[in-house]
All heavy atoms as atom14 arrays in JSON, in Angstrom:
{
  "sequence": "LSCAASVRTSAFEDYTVGWFRQAHGKEREFVAALSG",
  "atom14_mask": [
    [1, 1, 1, 1, 1, 1, 1, 1, 0, 0, 0, 0, 0, 0],
    [1, 1, 1, 1, 1, 1, 0, 0, 0, 0, 0, 0, 0, 0],
    [1, 1, 1, 1, 1, 1, 0, 0, 0, 0, 0, 0, 0, 0],
    [1, 1, 1, 1, 1, 0, 0, 0, 0, 0, 0, 0, 0, 0],
    [1, 1, 1, 1, 1, 0, 0, 0, 0, 0, 0, 0, 0, 0],
    [1, 1, 1, 1, 1, 1, 0, 0, 0, 0, 0, 0, 0, 0],
    [1, 1, 1, 1, 1, 1, 1, 0, 0, 0, 0, 0, 0, 0],
    [1, 1, 1, 1, 1, 1, 1, 1, 1, 1, 1, 0, 0, 0],
    [1, 1, 1, 1, 1, 1, 1, 0, 0, 0, 0, 0, 0, 0],
    [1, 1, 1, 1, 1, 1, 0, 0, 0, 0, 0, 0, 0, 0],
    [1, 1, 1, 1, 1, 0, 0, 0, 0, 0, 0, 0, 0, 0],
    [1, 1, 1, 1, 1, 1, 1, 1, 1, 1, 1, 0, 0, 0],
    [1, 1, 1, 1, 1, 1, 1, 1, 1, 0, 0, 0, 0, 0],
    [1, 1, 1, 1, 1, 1, 1, 1, 0, 0, 0, 0, 0, 0],
    [1, 1, 1, 1, 1, 1, 1, 1, 1, 1, 1, 1, 0, 0],
    [1, 1, 1, 1, 1, 1, 1, 0, 0, 0, 0, 0, 0, 0],
    [1, 1, 1, 1, 1, 1, 1, 0, 0, 0, 0, 0, 0, 0],
    [1, 1, 1, 1, 0, 0, 0, 0, 0, 0, 0, 0, 0, 0],
    [1, 1, 1, 1, 1, 1, 1, 1, 1, 1, 1, 1, 1, 1],
    [1, 1, 1, 1, 1, 1, 1, 1, 1, 1, 1, 0, 0, 0],
    [1, 1, 1, 1, 1, 1, 1, 1, 1, 1, 1, 0, 0, 0],
    [1, 1, 1, 1, 1, 1, 1, 1, 1, 0, 0, 0, 0, 0],
    [1, 1, 1, 1, 1, 0, 0, 0, 0, 0, 0, 0, 0, 0],
    [1, 1, 1, 1, 1, 1, 1, 1, 1, 1, 0, 0, 0, 0],
    [1, 1, 1, 1, 0, 0, 0, 0, 0, 0, 0, 0, 0, 0],
    [1, 1, 1, 1, 1, 1, 1, 1, 1, 0, 0, 0, 0, 0],
    [1, 1, 1, 1, 1, 1, 1, 1, 1, 0, 0, 0, 0, 0],
    [1, 1, 1, 1, 1, 1, 1, 1, 1, 1, 1, 0, 0, 0],
    [1, 1, 1, 1, 1, 1, 1, 1, 1, 0, 0, 0, 0, 0],
    [1, 1, 1, 1, 1, 1, 1, 1, 1, 1, 1, 0, 0, 0],
    [1, 1, 1, 1, 1, 1, 1, 0, 0, 0, 0, 0, 0, 0],
    [1, 1, 1, 1, 1, 0, 0, 0, 0, 0, 0, 0, 0, 0],
    [1, 1, 1, 1, 1, 0, 0, 0, 0, 0, 0, 0, 0, 0],
    [1, 1, 1, 1, 1, 1, 1, 1, 0, 0, 0, 0, 0, 0],
    [1, 1, 1, 1, 1, 1, 0, 0, 0, 0, 0, 0, 0, 0],
    [1, 1, 1, 1, 0, 0, 0, 0, 0, 0, 0, 0, 0, 0]
  ],
  "atom14_positions": [
    [[4.26, 116.37, 7.19], [4.52, 115.52, 8.34], [5.87, 115.9, 8.94], [6.79, 116.26, 8.22], [4.54, 114.05, 7.93], [3.3, 113.51, 7.24], [3.49, 112.04, 6.88], [2.07, 113.69, 8.1], [0.0, 0.0, 0.0], [0.0, 0.0, 0.0], [0.0, 0.0, 0.0], [0.0, 0.0, 0.0], [0.0, 0.0, 0.0], [0.0, 0.0, 0.0]],
    [[5.95, 115.8, 10.24], [7.23, 116.02, 10.91], [7.54, 114.87, 11.84], [6.65, 114.11, 12.23], [7.21, 117.34, 11.69], [6.22, 117.31, 12.69], [0.0, 0.0, 0.0], [0.0, 0.0, 0.0], [0.0, 0.0, 0.0], [0.0, 0.0, 0.0], [0.0, 0.0, 0.0], [0.0, 0.0, 0.0], [0.0, 0.0, 0.0], [0.0, 0.0, 0.0]],
    [[8.79, 114.75, 12.17], [9.25, 113.65, 13.01], [10.4, 114.16, 13.86], [11.39, 114.67, 13.32], [9.68, 112.48, 12.13], [10.33, 111.06, 13.0], [0.0, 0.0, 0.0], [0.0, 0.0, 0.0], [0.0, 0.0, 0.0], [0.0, 0.0, 0.0], [0.0, 0.0, 0.0], [0.0, 0.0, 0.0], [0.0, 0.0, 0.0], [0.0, 0.0, 0.0]],
    [[10.26, 114.04, 15.16], [11.29, 114.5, 16.09], [12.15, 113.33, 16.53], [11.62, 112.28, 16.92], [10.64, 115.16, 17.3], [0.0, 0.0, 0.0], [0.0, 0.0, 0.0], [0.0, 0.0, 0.0], [0.0, 0.0, 0.0], [0.0, 0.0, 0.0], [0.0, 0.0, 0.0], [0.0, 0.0, 0.0], [0.0, 0.0, 0.0], [0.0, 0.0, 0.0]],
    [[13.45, 113.53, 16.47], [14.38, 112.47, 16.85], [15.02, 112.75, 18.21], [15.33, 113.9, 18.54], [15.49, 112.36, 15.8], [0.0, 0.0, 0.0], [0.0, 0.0, 0.0], [0.0, 0.0, 0.0], [0.0, 0.0, 0.0], [0.0, 0.0, 0.0], [0.0, 0.0, 0.0], [0.0, 0.0, 0.0], [0.0, 0.0, 0.0], [0.0, 0.0, 0.0]],
    [[15.17, 111.7, 18.97], [15.91, 111.75, 20.21], [17.11, 110.84, 20.06], [16.97, 109.62, 19.99], [15.03, 111.3, 21.38], [15.77, 111.27, 22.58], [0.0, 0.0, 0.0], [0.0, 0.0, 0.0], [0.0, 0.0, 0.0], [0.0, 0.0, 0.0], [0.0, 0.0, 0.0], [0.0, 0.0, 0.0], [0.0, 0.0, 0.0], [0.0, 0.0, 0.0]],
    [[18.3, 111.44, 19.96], [19.51, 110.7, 19.67], [20.34, 110.57, 20.93], [20.74, 111.58, 21.52], [20.33, 111.4, 18.57], [21.57, 110.58, 18.24], [19.49, 111.62, 17.33], [0.0, 0.0, 0.0], [0.0, 0.0, 0.0], [0.0, 0.0, 0.0], [0.0, 0.0, 0.0], [0.0, 0.0, 0.0], [0.0, 0.0, 0.0], [0.0, 0.0, 0.0]],
    [[20.61, 109.33, 21.35], [21.32, 109.12, 22.61], [22.83, 109.16, 22.43], [23.55, 109.58, 23.33], [20.91, 107.78, 23.22], [19.46, 107.74, 23.66], [19.16, 106.52, 24.49], [17.8, 106.51, 24.98], [17.32, 105.59, 25.81], [18.08, 104.61, 26.22], [16.06, 105.65, 26.21], [0.0, 0.0, 0.0], [0.0, 0.0, 0.0], [0.0, 0.0, 0.0]],
    [[23.29, 108.67, 21.31], [24.72, 108.7, 21.05], [24.94, 109.31, 19.68], [24.04, 109.35, 18.86], [25.34, 107.28, 21.08], [24.66, 106.48, 20.1], [25.15, 106.66, 22.44], [0.0, 0.0, 0.0], [0.0, 0.0, 0.0], [0.0, 0.0, 0.0], [0.0, 0.0, 0.0], [0.0, 0.0, 0.0], [0.0, 0.0, 0.0], [0.0, 0.0, 0.0]],
    [[26.11, 109.78, 19.42], [26.49, 110.46, 18.18], [25.59, 111.67, 17.96], [25.1, 112.28, 18.91], [26.46, 109.49, 16.98], [25.16, 109.06, 16.7], [0.0, 0.0, 0.0], [0.0, 0.0, 0.0], [0.0, 0.0, 0.0], [0.0, 0.0, 0.0], [0.0, 0.0, 0.0], [0.0, 0.0, 0.0], [0.0, 0.0, 0.0], [0.0, 0.0, 0.0]],
    [[25.34, 112.01, 16.72], [24.57, 113.21, 16.42], [23.54, 112.91, 15.34], [23.71, 111.98, 14.54], [25.5, 114.32, 15.95], [0.0, 0.0, 0.0], [0.0, 0.0, 0.0], [0.0, 0.0, 0.0], [0.0, 0.0, 0.0], [0.0, 0.0, 0.0], [0.0, 0.0, 0.0], [0.0, 0.0, 0.0], [0.0, 0.0, 0.0], [0.0, 0.0, 0.0]],
    [[22.48, 113.67, 15.34], [21.4, 113.43, 14.38], [21.92, 113.47, 12.95], [21.49, 112.71, 12.09], [20.31, 114.49, 14.6], [19.11, 114.32, 13.72], [18.39, 113.13, 13.71], [18.68, 115.35, 12.9], [17.26, 112.98, 12.9], [17.56, 115.22, 12.09], [16.85, 114.03, 12.09], [0.0, 0.0, 0.0], [0.0, 0.0, 0.0], [0.0, 0.0, 0.0]],
    [[22.85, 114.36, 12.66], [23.35, 114.47, 11.29], [24.18, 113.26, 10.86], [24.54, 113.15, 9.69], [24.17, 115.75, 11.11], [25.3, 115.91, 12.1], [24.9, 116.83, 13.24], [23.73, 116.76, 13.68], [25.75, 117.61, 13.69], [0.0, 0.0, 0.0], [0.0, 0.0, 0.0], [0.0, 0.0, 0.0], [0.0, 0.0, 0.0], [0.0, 0.0, 0.0]],
    [[24.49, 112.36, 11.77], [25.17, 111.12, 11.42], [24.21, 110.08, 10.84], [24.65, 109.03, 10.38], [25.85, 110.51, 12.65], [27.0, 111.35, 13.15], [27.59, 112.11, 12.34], [27.32, 111.26, 14.36], [0.0, 0.0, 0.0], [0.0, 0.0, 0.0], [0.0, 0.0, 0.0], [0.0, 0.0, 0.0], [0.0, 0.0, 0.0], [0.0, 0.0, 0.0]],
    [[22.93, 110.39, 10.85], [21.91, 109.44, 10.42], [21.27, 109.88, 9.11], [20.91, 111.04, 8.93], [20.81, 109.31, 11.48], [21.28, 108.66, 12.75], [21.97, 109.38, 13.72], [21.03, 107.31, 12.98], [22.41, 108.78, 14.88], [21.45, 106.7, 14.15], [22.14, 107.44, 15.08], [22.57, 106.83, 16.24], [0.0, 0.0, 0.0], [0.0, 0.0, 0.0]],
    [[21.11, 108.92, 8.23], [20.24, 109.11, 7.09], [18.8, 108.97, 7.58], [18.51, 108.1, 8.4], [20.52, 108.06, 6.01], [21.87, 108.21, 5.54], [19.56, 108.19, 4.83], [0.0, 0.0, 0.0], [0.0, 0.0, 0.0], [0.0, 0.0, 0.0], [0.0, 0.0, 0.0], [0.0, 0.0, 0.0], [0.0, 0.0, 0.0], [0.0, 0.0, 0.0]],
    [[17.92, 109.83, 7.1], [16.51, 109.76, 7.52], [15.64, 109.41, 6.33], [16.02, 109.64, 5.18], [16.04, 111.08, 8.16], [16.83, 111.36, 9.44], [16.14, 112.24, 7.19], [0.0, 0.0, 0.0], [0.0, 0.0, 0.0], [0.0, 0.0, 0.0], [0.0, 0.0, 0.0], [0.0, 0.0, 0.0], [0.0, 0.0, 0.0], [0.0, 0.0, 0.0]],
    [[14.5, 108.85, 6.62], [13.62, 108.43, 5.54], [12.16, 108.43, 5.95], [11.81, 108.66, 7.12], [0.0, 0.0, 0.0], [0.0, 0.0, 0.0], [0.0, 0.0, 0.0], [0.0, 0.0, 0.0], [0.0, 0.0, 0.0], [0.0, 0.0, 0.0], [0.0, 0.0, 0.0], [0.0, 0.0, 0.0], [0.0, 0.0, 0.0], [0.0, 0.0, 0.0]],
    [[11.32, 108.21, 4.96], [9.88, 108.05, 5.15], [9.41, 106.84, 4.34], [9.83, 106.65, 3.2], [9.13, 109.29, 4.69], [9.33, 110.48, 5.56], [10.32, 111.42, 5.45], [8.56, 110.85, 6.71], [10.2, 112.35, 6.44], [9.13, 112.04, 7.23], [7.44, 110.31, 7.34], [8.61, 112.67, 8.35], [6.93, 110.94, 8.45], [7.51, 112.12, 8.95]],
    [[8.55, 106.07, 4.96], [7.89, 104.94, 4.32], [6.4, 105.11, 4.52], [5.94, 105.9, 5.35], [8.34, 103.62, 4.96], [9.69, 103.15, 4.51], [10.86, 103.78, 4.93], [9.82, 102.06, 3.66], [12.11, 103.35, 4.52], [11.06, 101.6, 3.25], [12.2, 102.25, 3.68], [0.0, 0.0, 0.0], [0.0, 0.0, 0.0], [0.0, 0.0, 0.0]],
    [[5.65, 104.33, 3.79], [4.2, 104.31, 4.0], [3.68, 102.9, 3.79], [4.3, 102.08, 3.1], [3.51, 105.29, 3.05], [3.55, 104.91, 1.59], [2.94, 106.03, 0.75], [2.86, 105.68, -0.66], [2.44, 106.5, -1.61], [2.06, 107.75, -1.29], [2.38, 106.12, -2.86], [0.0, 0.0, 0.0], [0.0, 0.0, 0.0], [0.0, 0.0, 0.0]],
    [[2.54, 102.65, 4.42], [1.92, 101.34, 4.32], [0.42, 101.5, 4.21], [-0.25, 101.95, 5.14], [2.27, 100.48, 5.53], [1.83, 99.05, 5.41], [2.47, 98.16, 6.48], [3.01, 98.63, 7.47], [2.42, 96.86, 6.26], [0.0, 0.0, 0.0], [0.0, 0.0, 0.0], [0.0, 0.0, 0.0], [0.0, 0.0, 0.0], [0.0, 0.0, 0.0]],
    [[-0.08, 101.16, 3.05], [-1.52, 101.19, 2.83], [-2.13, 99.91, 3.4], [-1.44, 98.9, 3.56], [-1.82, 101.33, 1.35], [0.0, 0.0, 0.0], [0.0, 0.0, 0.0], [0.0, 0.0, 0.0], [0.0, 0.0, 0.0], [0.0, 0.0, 0.0], [0.0, 0.0, 0.0], [0.0, 0.0, 0.0], [0.0, 0.0, 0.0], [0.0, 0.0, 0.0]],
    [[-3.42, 99.98, 3.66], [-4.11, 98.83, 4.25], [-3.97, 97.6, 3.37], [-4.26, 97.64, 2.18], [-5.58, 99.16, 4.45], [-6.37, 98.07, 5.09], [-6.16, 97.66, 6.4], [-7.34, 97.27, 4.6], [-6.97, 96.68, 6.69], [-7.7, 96.42, 5.61], [0.0, 0.0, 0.0], [0.0, 0.0, 0.0], [0.0, 0.0, 0.0], [0.0, 0.0, 0.0]],
    [[-3.47, 96.53, 3.94], [-3.35, 95.28, 3.22], [-2.15, 95.18, 2.31], [-2.0, 94.2, 1.56], [0.0, 0.0, 0.0], [0.0, 0.0, 0.0], [0.0, 0.0, 0.0], [0.0, 0.0, 0.0], [0.0, 0.0, 0.0], [0.0, 0.0, 0.0], [0.0, 0.0, 0.0], [0.0, 0.0, 0.0], [0.0, 0.0, 0.0], [0.0, 0.0, 0.0]],
    [[-1.28, 96.18, 2.36], [-0.1, 96.18, 1.5], [1.18, 96.23, 2.33], [1.14, 96.52, 3.52], [-0.15, 97.37, 0.53], [-1.3, 97.31, -0.46], [-1.19, 98.42, -1.48], [-2.29, 98.31, -2.52], [-2.21, 99.39, -3.55], [0.0, 0.0, 0.0], [0.0, 0.0, 0.0], [0.0, 0.0, 0.0], [0.0, 0.0, 0.0], [0.0, 0.0, 0.0]],
    [[2.28, 95.96, 1.66], [3.57, 96.01, 2.34], [4.02, 97.47, 2.52], [3.6, 98.36, 1.79], [4.61, 95.24, 1.53], [4.37, 93.74, 1.48], [5.51, 92.99, 0.81], [6.44, 93.65, 0.31], [5.47, 91.75, 0.79], [0.0, 0.0, 0.0], [0.0, 0.0, 0.0], [0.0, 0.0, 0.0], [0.0, 0.0, 0.0], [0.0, 0.0, 0.0]],
    [[4.9, 97.65, 3.49], [5.47, 98.97, 3.71], [6.37, 99.32, 2.53], [7.21, 98.51, 2.11], [6.26, 98.99, 5.01], [6.66, 100.37, 5.48], [7.19, 100.32, 6.91], [6.18, 99.86, 7.86], [6.33, 99.91, 9.17], [7.46, 100.39, 9.69], [5.37, 99.47, 9.97], [0.0, 0.0, 0.0], [0.0, 0.0, 0.0], [0.0, 0.0, 0.0]],
    [[6.2, 100.52, 2.0], [6.97, 100.9, 0.82], [7.74, 102.19, 1.05], [7.32, 103.08, 1.78], [6.05, 101.08, -0.41], [5.07, 102.22, -0.3], [4.33, 102.46, -1.6], [4.55, 101.75, -2.6], [3.51, 103.41, -1.62], [0.0, 0.0, 0.0], [0.0, 0.0, 0.0], [0.0, 0.0, 0.0], [0.0, 0.0, 0.0], [0.0, 0.0, 0.0]],
    [[8.88, 102.28, 0.42], [9.77, 103.42, 0.51], [9.12, 104.65, -0.13], [8.48, 104.55, -1.18], [11.08, 103.08, -0.21], [12.01, 104.24, -0.36], [12.81, 104.65, 0.68], [12.1, 104.92, -1.57], [13.68, 105.72, 0.54], [12.96, 105.98, -1.74], [13.76, 106.38, -0.69], [0.0, 0.0, 0.0], [0.0, 0.0, 0.0], [0.0, 0.0, 0.0]],
    [[9.31, 105.8, 0.52], [8.83, 107.06, -0.03], [10.01, 107.98, -0.36], [10.13, 108.48, -1.48], [7.87, 107.77, 0.95], [7.48, 109.14, 0.42], [6.64, 106.91, 1.2], [0.0, 0.0, 0.0], [0.0, 0.0, 0.0], [0.0, 0.0, 0.0], [0.0, 0.0, 0.0], [0.0, 0.0, 0.0], [0.0, 0.0, 0.0], [0.0, 0.0, 0.0]],
    [[10.87, 108.23, 0.62], [11.97, 109.17, 0.42], [13.04, 108.94, 1.47], [12.78, 108.42, 2.55], [11.47, 110.6, 0.48], [0.0, 0.0, 0.0], [0.0, 0.0, 0.0], [0.0, 0.0, 0.0], [0.0, 0.0, 0.0], [0.0, 0.0, 0.0], [0.0, 0.0, 0.0], [0.0, 0.0, 0.0], [0.0, 0.0, 0.0], [0.0, 0.0, 0.0]],
    [[14.26, 109.38, 1.13], [15.38, 109.32, 2.07], [16.23, 110.57, 1.86], [16.26, 111.15, 0.77], [16.21, 108.07, 1.87], [0.0, 0.0, 0.0], [0.0, 0.0, 0.0], [0.0, 0.0, 0.0], [0.0, 0.0, 0.0], [0.0, 0.0, 0.0], [0.0, 0.0, 0.0], [0.0, 0.0, 0.0], [0.0, 0.0, 0.0], [0.0, 0.0, 0.0]],
    [[16.93, 110.97, 2.92], [17.75, 112.17, 2.86], [19.03, 111.94, 3.64], [19.01, 111.44, 4.76], [16.97, 113.35, 3.45], [17.63, 114.72, 3.37], [17.79, 115.15, 1.91], [16.8, 115.75, 4.13], [0.0, 0.0, 0.0], [0.0, 0.0, 0.0], [0.0, 0.0, 0.0], [0.0, 0.0, 0.0], [0.0, 0.0, 0.0], [0.0, 0.0, 0.0]],
    [[20.14, 112.36, 3.05], [21.44, 112.19, 3.68], [21.57, 113.05, 4.94], [20.78, 113.97, 5.17], [22.54, 112.56, 2.69], [22.41, 113.92, 2.3], [0.0, 0.0, 0.0], [0.0, 0.0, 0.0], [0.0, 0.0, 0.0], [0.0, 0.0, 0.0], [0.0, 0.0, 0.0], [0.0, 0.0, 0.0], [0.0, 0.0, 0.0], [0.0, 0.0, 0.0]],
    [[22.57, 112.74, 5.72], [22.79, 113.44, 6.98], [22.97, 114.94, 6.84], [22.53, 115.71, 7.7], [0.0, 0.0, 0.0], [0.0, 0.0, 0.0], [0.0, 0.0, 0.0], [0.0, 0.0, 0.0], [0.0, 0.0, 0.0], [0.0, 0.0, 0.0], [0.0, 0.0, 0.0], [0.0, 0.0, 0.0], [0.0, 0.0, 0.0], [0.0, 0.0, 0.0]]
  ]
}
């Protein structure tokens, strides 16, 4: 999976990025995160 960011202020590397998932009928759950 890929995700394109459009950053209006500061820089993309100033943001921690992550992925979550949500199965049907369940809460959204953390998958992974990555530092700037």
